[in-house]
Every structure is written in C-alpha cells, then in structure tokens.
Amino acid sequence: MSTGDHGAQAERTGLAWRRTALAATACTLLLLHMAARRGWGTTVVPVVFAGAMVITLVVIGSVRERALRGPGIPKPLNPILAVTTVTLVVATAVSLVAVR
C-alpha cells in the first residue's frame, strides 16, 4: 500500500469501531430494559456506565477514522482514550455483578 492511500484501512477501521459501538448500544438498551423491569433503583448504574462507554466508543472510532484518512502516517491512539474505554468496560461489568 502506498503512503498516500489510506482509504481502505480507514474504512475498515471505521466500520469495526461502528460495529463495536452498535453492539455496545444493543447491550445498553438491554440493560435499560432490565432496569425498567426491575423498578430502576440501583439497576440504573450499569446503564449509565454502558451509555458512557457507547459514547466513548463512537468518539474514539471517529477520531481513529479521521486520523487514518489524513495524509502521512497516523498517530497512535491516545492512551487516555484507551484507558477510559477499558475503565468504562470494567466499571460496567463490576456494576452488573454488584446489582445482580
């Protein structure tokens, strides 16, 4: 692949991030449904974490796709964004276990 053509790579990366965000959105909606059936209360906590995770995934996906579409070699993903995403995933999982 030449250094000026990042189209396919950017497209594949953008699609992968969108699929991940879509799957996380579906899980968030299922958590929201569970919270509504259980009468809200503490069951809202995993929904909030999962919603924040979805927003973070969408933002990171947009940033990565834009970086890959730019000219030259793209910068690596900001570690703060990666740590934020992992933290939200772990917080969602822990809150789900705690709410059960």
N, C-alpha and C. Protein backbone atom coordinates (compact mmCIF):
# COMPACT_ATOMS: atom_id res chain seq x y z
N MET A 1 0.86 -1.17 0.00
CA MET A 1 0.00 0.00 0.00
C MET A 1 0.90 1.23 0.00
N SER A 2 0.61 2.19 -0.83
CA SER A 2 1.41 3.41 -0.88
C SER A 2 1.10 4.29 0.32
N THR A 3 2.02 5.20 0.63
CA THR A 3 1.85 6.04 1.82
C THR A 3 0.70 7.02 1.69
N GLY A 4 0.28 7.33 0.47
CA GLY A 4 -0.80 8.30 0.30
C GLY A 4 -2.19 7.69 0.29
N ASP A 5 -2.31 6.37 0.19
CA ASP A 5 -3.61 5.73 0.09
C ASP A 5 -3.96 5.00 1.39
N HIS A 6 -4.72 5.67 2.24
CA HIS A 6 -5.15 5.06 3.50
C HIS A 6 -6.65 4.80 3.47
N GLY A 7 -7.30 4.90 2.33
CA GLY A 7 -8.76 4.79 2.24
C GLY A 7 -9.33 3.49 2.75
N ALA A 8 -8.81 2.36 2.28
CA ALA A 8 -9.36 1.06 2.68
C ALA A 8 -9.11 0.79 4.15
N GLN A 9 -7.92 1.13 4.62
CA GLN A 9 -7.61 0.91 6.04
C GLN A 9 -8.51 1.76 6.92
N ALA A 10 -8.68 3.01 6.55
CA ALA A 10 -9.54 3.91 7.32
C ALA A 10 -10.98 3.41 7.31
N GLU A 11 -11.42 2.93 6.15
CA GLU A 11 -12.79 2.43 6.03
C GLU A 11 -13.01 1.20 6.90
N ARG A 12 -12.07 0.25 6.86
CA ARG A 12 -12.20 -0.96 7.67
C ARG A 12 -12.17 -0.64 9.17
N THR A 13 -11.28 0.27 9.55
CA THR A 13 -11.19 0.64 10.96
C THR A 13 -12.47 1.34 11.41
N GLY A 14 -12.96 2.27 10.59
CA GLY A 14 -14.19 2.97 10.93
C GLY A 14 -15.37 2.02 11.07
N LEU A 15 -15.47 1.05 10.15
CA LEU A 15 -16.55 0.07 10.22
C LEU A 15 -16.44 -0.81 11.45
N ALA A 16 -15.22 -1.18 11.81
CA ALA A 16 -15.03 -2.01 13.01
C ALA A 16 -15.46 -1.26 14.27
N TRP A 17 -15.08 0.01 14.36
CA TRP A 17 -15.49 0.81 15.52
C TRP A 17 -17.00 0.99 15.55
N ARG A 18 -17.62 1.19 14.37
CA ARG A 18 -19.08 1.34 14.32
C ARG A 18 -19.79 0.05 14.76
N ARG A 19 -19.28 -1.08 14.31
CA ARG A 19 -19.88 -2.37 14.73
C ARG A 19 -19.77 -2.55 16.24
N THR A 20 -18.62 -2.21 16.78
CA THR A 20 -18.43 -2.34 18.22
C THR A 20 -19.38 -1.42 18.97
N ALA A 21 -19.50 -0.17 18.51
CA ALA A 21 -20.41 0.78 19.16
C ALA A 21 -21.86 0.34 19.02
N LEU A 22 -22.22 -0.23 17.88
CA LEU A 22 -23.59 -0.72 17.68
C LEU A 22 -23.90 -1.89 18.62
N ALA A 23 -22.95 -2.80 18.76
CA ALA A 23 -23.15 -3.93 19.68
C ALA A 23 -23.26 -3.43 21.12
N ALA A 24 -22.43 -2.46 21.49
CA ALA A 24 -22.49 -1.89 22.84
C ALA A 24 -23.81 -1.15 23.05
N THR A 25 -24.32 -0.52 22.01
CA THR A 25 -25.62 0.16 22.11
C THR A 25 -26.73 -0.85 22.36
N ALA A 26 -26.68 -1.97 21.65
CA ALA A 26 -27.70 -3.01 21.85
C ALA A 26 -27.65 -3.54 23.29
N CYS A 27 -26.45 -3.76 23.80
CA CYS A 27 -26.32 -4.22 25.19
C CYS A 27 -26.83 -3.16 26.17
N THR A 28 -26.56 -1.90 25.88
CA THR A 28 -27.03 -0.82 26.74
C THR A 28 -28.55 -0.77 26.76
N LEU A 29 -29.17 -0.97 25.60
CA LEU A 29 -30.63 -0.98 25.54
C LEU A 29 -31.22 -2.16 26.31
N LEU A 30 -30.54 -3.30 26.26
CA LEU A 30 -31.00 -4.44 27.06
C LEU A 30 -30.86 -4.16 28.55
N LEU A 31 -29.78 -3.50 28.93
CA LEU A 31 -29.62 -3.12 30.34
C LEU A 31 -30.69 -2.12 30.76
N LEU A 32 -31.02 -1.20 29.86
CA LEU A 32 -32.06 -0.22 30.14
C LEU A 32 -33.41 -0.92 30.33
N HIS A 33 -33.68 -1.89 29.50
CA HIS A 33 -34.91 -2.68 29.62
C HIS A 33 -34.95 -3.42 30.96
N MET A 34 -33.80 -4.01 31.33
CA MET A 34 -33.73 -4.71 32.61
C MET A 34 -33.96 -3.75 33.78
N ALA A 35 -33.38 -2.57 33.69
CA ALA A 35 -33.54 -1.58 34.76
C ALA A 35 -35.00 -1.15 34.88
N ALA A 36 -35.66 -0.97 33.75
CA ALA A 36 -37.07 -0.56 33.78
C ALA A 36 -37.94 -1.66 34.37
N ARG A 37 -37.65 -2.91 34.05
CA ARG A 37 -38.46 -4.02 34.58
C ARG A 37 -38.24 -4.25 36.07
N ARG A 38 -37.05 -3.91 36.55
CA ARG A 38 -36.74 -4.11 37.97
C ARG A 38 -37.09 -2.89 38.83
N GLY A 39 -37.63 -1.86 38.23
CA GLY A 39 -38.04 -0.70 39.01
C GLY A 39 -36.94 0.34 39.21
N TRP A 40 -36.01 0.42 38.28
CA TRP A 40 -34.93 1.39 38.30
C TRP A 40 -34.04 1.20 39.52
N GLY A 41 -33.98 2.12 40.43
CA GLY A 41 -33.11 1.98 41.60
C GLY A 41 -31.65 1.87 41.21
N THR A 42 -30.96 0.92 41.83
CA THR A 42 -29.52 0.76 41.56
C THR A 42 -29.23 0.11 40.22
N THR A 43 -30.24 -0.44 39.56
CA THR A 43 -30.01 -1.06 38.26
C THR A 43 -29.71 -0.04 37.17
N VAL A 44 -29.83 1.23 37.50
CA VAL A 44 -29.51 2.28 36.53
C VAL A 44 -27.99 2.47 36.41
N VAL A 45 -27.25 2.10 37.43
CA VAL A 45 -25.80 2.31 37.43
C VAL A 45 -25.11 1.63 36.24
N PRO A 46 -25.36 0.34 35.96
CA PRO A 46 -24.74 -0.25 34.77
C PRO A 46 -25.18 0.42 33.47
N VAL A 47 -26.39 0.90 33.44
CA VAL A 47 -26.88 1.59 32.22
C VAL A 47 -26.09 2.86 31.98
N VAL A 48 -25.82 3.60 33.04
CA VAL A 48 -25.06 4.85 32.92
C VAL A 48 -23.64 4.54 32.43
N PHE A 49 -22.99 3.55 33.04
CA PHE A 49 -21.64 3.19 32.61
C PHE A 49 -21.63 2.70 31.16
N ALA A 50 -22.60 1.89 30.81
CA ALA A 50 -22.66 1.36 29.44
C ALA A 50 -22.94 2.48 28.44
N GLY A 51 -23.80 3.42 28.80
CA GLY A 51 -24.06 4.56 27.91
C GLY A 51 -22.82 5.42 27.70
N ALA A 52 -22.08 5.65 28.78
CA ALA A 52 -20.83 6.41 28.66
C ALA A 52 -19.83 5.65 27.80
N MET A 53 -19.82 4.33 27.92
CA MET A 53 -18.93 3.51 27.10
C MET A 53 -19.29 3.62 25.62
N VAL A 54 -20.57 3.62 25.31
CA VAL A 54 -21.00 3.76 23.91
C VAL A 54 -20.55 5.10 23.34
N ILE A 55 -20.76 6.15 24.10
CA ILE A 55 -20.35 7.48 23.63
C ILE A 55 -18.84 7.52 23.41
N THR A 56 -18.09 6.93 24.33
CA THR A 56 -16.63 6.89 24.18
C THR A 56 -16.22 6.11 22.95
N LEU A 57 -16.87 4.98 22.69
CA LEU A 57 -16.54 4.18 21.51
C LEU A 57 -16.82 4.94 20.22
N VAL A 58 -17.92 5.67 20.18
CA VAL A 58 -18.25 6.45 18.98
C VAL A 58 -17.21 7.55 18.76
N VAL A 59 -16.82 8.23 19.83
CA VAL A 59 -15.83 9.30 19.71
C VAL A 59 -14.48 8.74 19.26
N ILE A 60 -14.04 7.66 19.88
CA ILE A 60 -12.75 7.07 19.52
C ILE A 60 -12.78 6.58 18.07
N GLY A 61 -13.87 5.95 17.67
CA GLY A 61 -13.97 5.49 16.29
C GLY A 61 -13.89 6.63 15.29
N SER A 62 -14.53 7.73 15.58
CA SER A 62 -14.47 8.89 14.69
C SER A 62 -13.07 9.47 14.63
N VAL A 63 -12.44 9.57 15.79
CA VAL A 63 -11.08 10.12 15.84
C VAL A 63 -10.11 9.23 15.08
N ARG A 64 -10.21 7.91 15.27
CA ARG A 64 -9.30 6.99 14.57
C ARG A 64 -9.51 7.02 13.06
N GLU A 65 -10.77 7.02 12.63
CA GLU A 65 -11.02 7.02 11.19
C GLU A 65 -10.51 8.31 10.56
N ARG A 66 -10.73 9.43 11.24
CA ARG A 66 -10.24 10.71 10.72
C ARG A 66 -8.71 10.72 10.68
N ALA A 67 -8.07 10.16 11.70
CA ALA A 67 -6.60 10.13 11.72
C ALA A 67 -6.06 9.26 10.59
N LEU A 68 -6.72 8.14 10.31
CA LEU A 68 -6.26 7.26 9.25
C LEU A 68 -6.51 7.82 7.86
N ARG A 69 -7.51 8.66 7.72
CA ARG A 69 -7.80 9.27 6.42
C ARG A 69 -6.85 10.42 6.09
N GLY A 70 -6.21 10.95 7.10
CA GLY A 70 -5.30 12.08 6.88
C GLY A 70 -4.05 11.66 6.13
N PRO A 71 -3.32 12.64 5.64
CA PRO A 71 -2.09 12.33 4.91
C PRO A 71 -0.98 11.86 5.86
N GLY A 72 -0.09 11.05 5.34
CA GLY A 72 1.05 10.61 6.12
C GLY A 72 0.71 9.47 7.07
N ILE A 73 1.63 9.22 7.97
CA ILE A 73 1.46 8.14 8.95
C ILE A 73 0.61 8.65 10.11
N PRO A 74 -0.48 7.96 10.42
CA PRO A 74 -1.35 8.43 11.51
C PRO A 74 -0.70 8.23 12.87
N LYS A 75 -1.07 9.10 13.79
CA LYS A 75 -0.58 8.99 15.16
C LYS A 75 -1.28 7.81 15.83
N PRO A 76 -0.63 7.18 16.79
CA PRO A 76 -1.29 6.09 17.52
C PRO A 76 -2.43 6.63 18.38
N LEU A 77 -3.29 5.72 18.79
CA LEU A 77 -4.42 6.09 19.64
C LEU A 77 -3.92 6.67 20.95
N ASN A 78 -4.55 7.75 21.37
CA ASN A 78 -4.20 8.39 22.63
C ASN A 78 -4.43 7.40 23.77
N PRO A 79 -3.42 7.14 24.60
CA PRO A 79 -3.59 6.17 25.69
C PRO A 79 -4.70 6.55 26.67
N ILE A 80 -4.97 7.82 26.82
CA ILE A 80 -6.04 8.25 27.74
C ILE A 80 -7.39 7.73 27.25
N LEU A 81 -7.61 7.77 25.94
CA LEU A 81 -8.86 7.25 25.39
C LEU A 81 -8.97 5.74 25.60
N ALA A 82 -7.87 5.04 25.41
CA ALA A 82 -7.88 3.59 25.60
C ALA A 82 -8.14 3.24 27.07
N VAL A 83 -7.50 3.95 27.98
CA VAL A 83 -7.69 3.69 29.41
C VAL A 83 -9.12 4.03 29.82
N THR A 84 -9.67 5.10 29.27
CA THR A 84 -11.05 5.48 29.57
C THR A 84 -12.01 4.38 29.14
N THR A 85 -11.81 3.85 27.94
CA THR A 85 -12.69 2.80 27.44
C THR A 85 -12.59 1.54 28.30
N VAL A 86 -11.38 1.13 28.61
CA VAL A 86 -11.21 -0.07 29.44
C VAL A 86 -11.82 0.14 30.82
N THR A 87 -11.64 1.32 31.38
CA THR A 87 -12.22 1.63 32.69
C THR A 87 -13.74 1.53 32.66
N LEU A 88 -14.35 2.07 31.61
CA LEU A 88 -15.80 2.01 31.50
C LEU A 88 -16.30 0.58 31.31
N VAL A 89 -15.58 -0.22 30.55
CA VAL A 89 -15.97 -1.62 30.36
C VAL A 89 -15.90 -2.36 31.70
N VAL A 90 -14.82 -2.16 32.44
CA VAL A 90 -14.67 -2.83 33.74
C VAL A 90 -15.72 -2.32 34.73
N ALA A 91 -15.96 -1.01 34.74
CA ALA A 91 -16.96 -0.45 35.65
C ALA A 91 -18.35 -1.00 35.33
N THR A 92 -18.66 -1.15 34.06
CA THR A 92 -19.95 -1.72 33.67
C THR A 92 -20.06 -3.16 34.16
N ALA A 93 -19.01 -3.94 33.94
CA ALA A 93 -19.04 -5.34 34.36
C ALA A 93 -19.15 -5.47 35.88
N VAL A 94 -18.39 -4.68 36.60
CA VAL A 94 -18.43 -4.74 38.07
C VAL A 94 -19.80 -4.31 38.59
N SER A 95 -20.35 -3.25 37.99
CA SER A 95 -21.67 -2.80 38.46
C SER A 95 -22.76 -3.82 38.12
N LEU A 96 -22.61 -4.54 37.02
CA LEU A 96 -23.58 -5.60 36.70
C LEU A 96 -23.52 -6.72 37.72
N VAL A 97 -22.33 -7.10 38.12
CA VAL A 97 -22.18 -8.16 39.11
C VAL A 97 -22.72 -7.69 40.46
N ALA A 98 -22.47 -6.43 40.81
CA ALA A 98 -22.91 -5.88 42.09
C ALA A 98 -24.43 -5.76 42.15
N VAL A 99 -25.07 -5.44 41.04
CA VAL A 99 -26.52 -5.23 41.01
C VAL A 99 -27.28 -6.55 41.05
N ARG A 100 -26.70 -7.59 40.50
CA ARG A 100 -27.39 -8.89 40.46
C ARG A 100 -27.93 -9.22 41.78
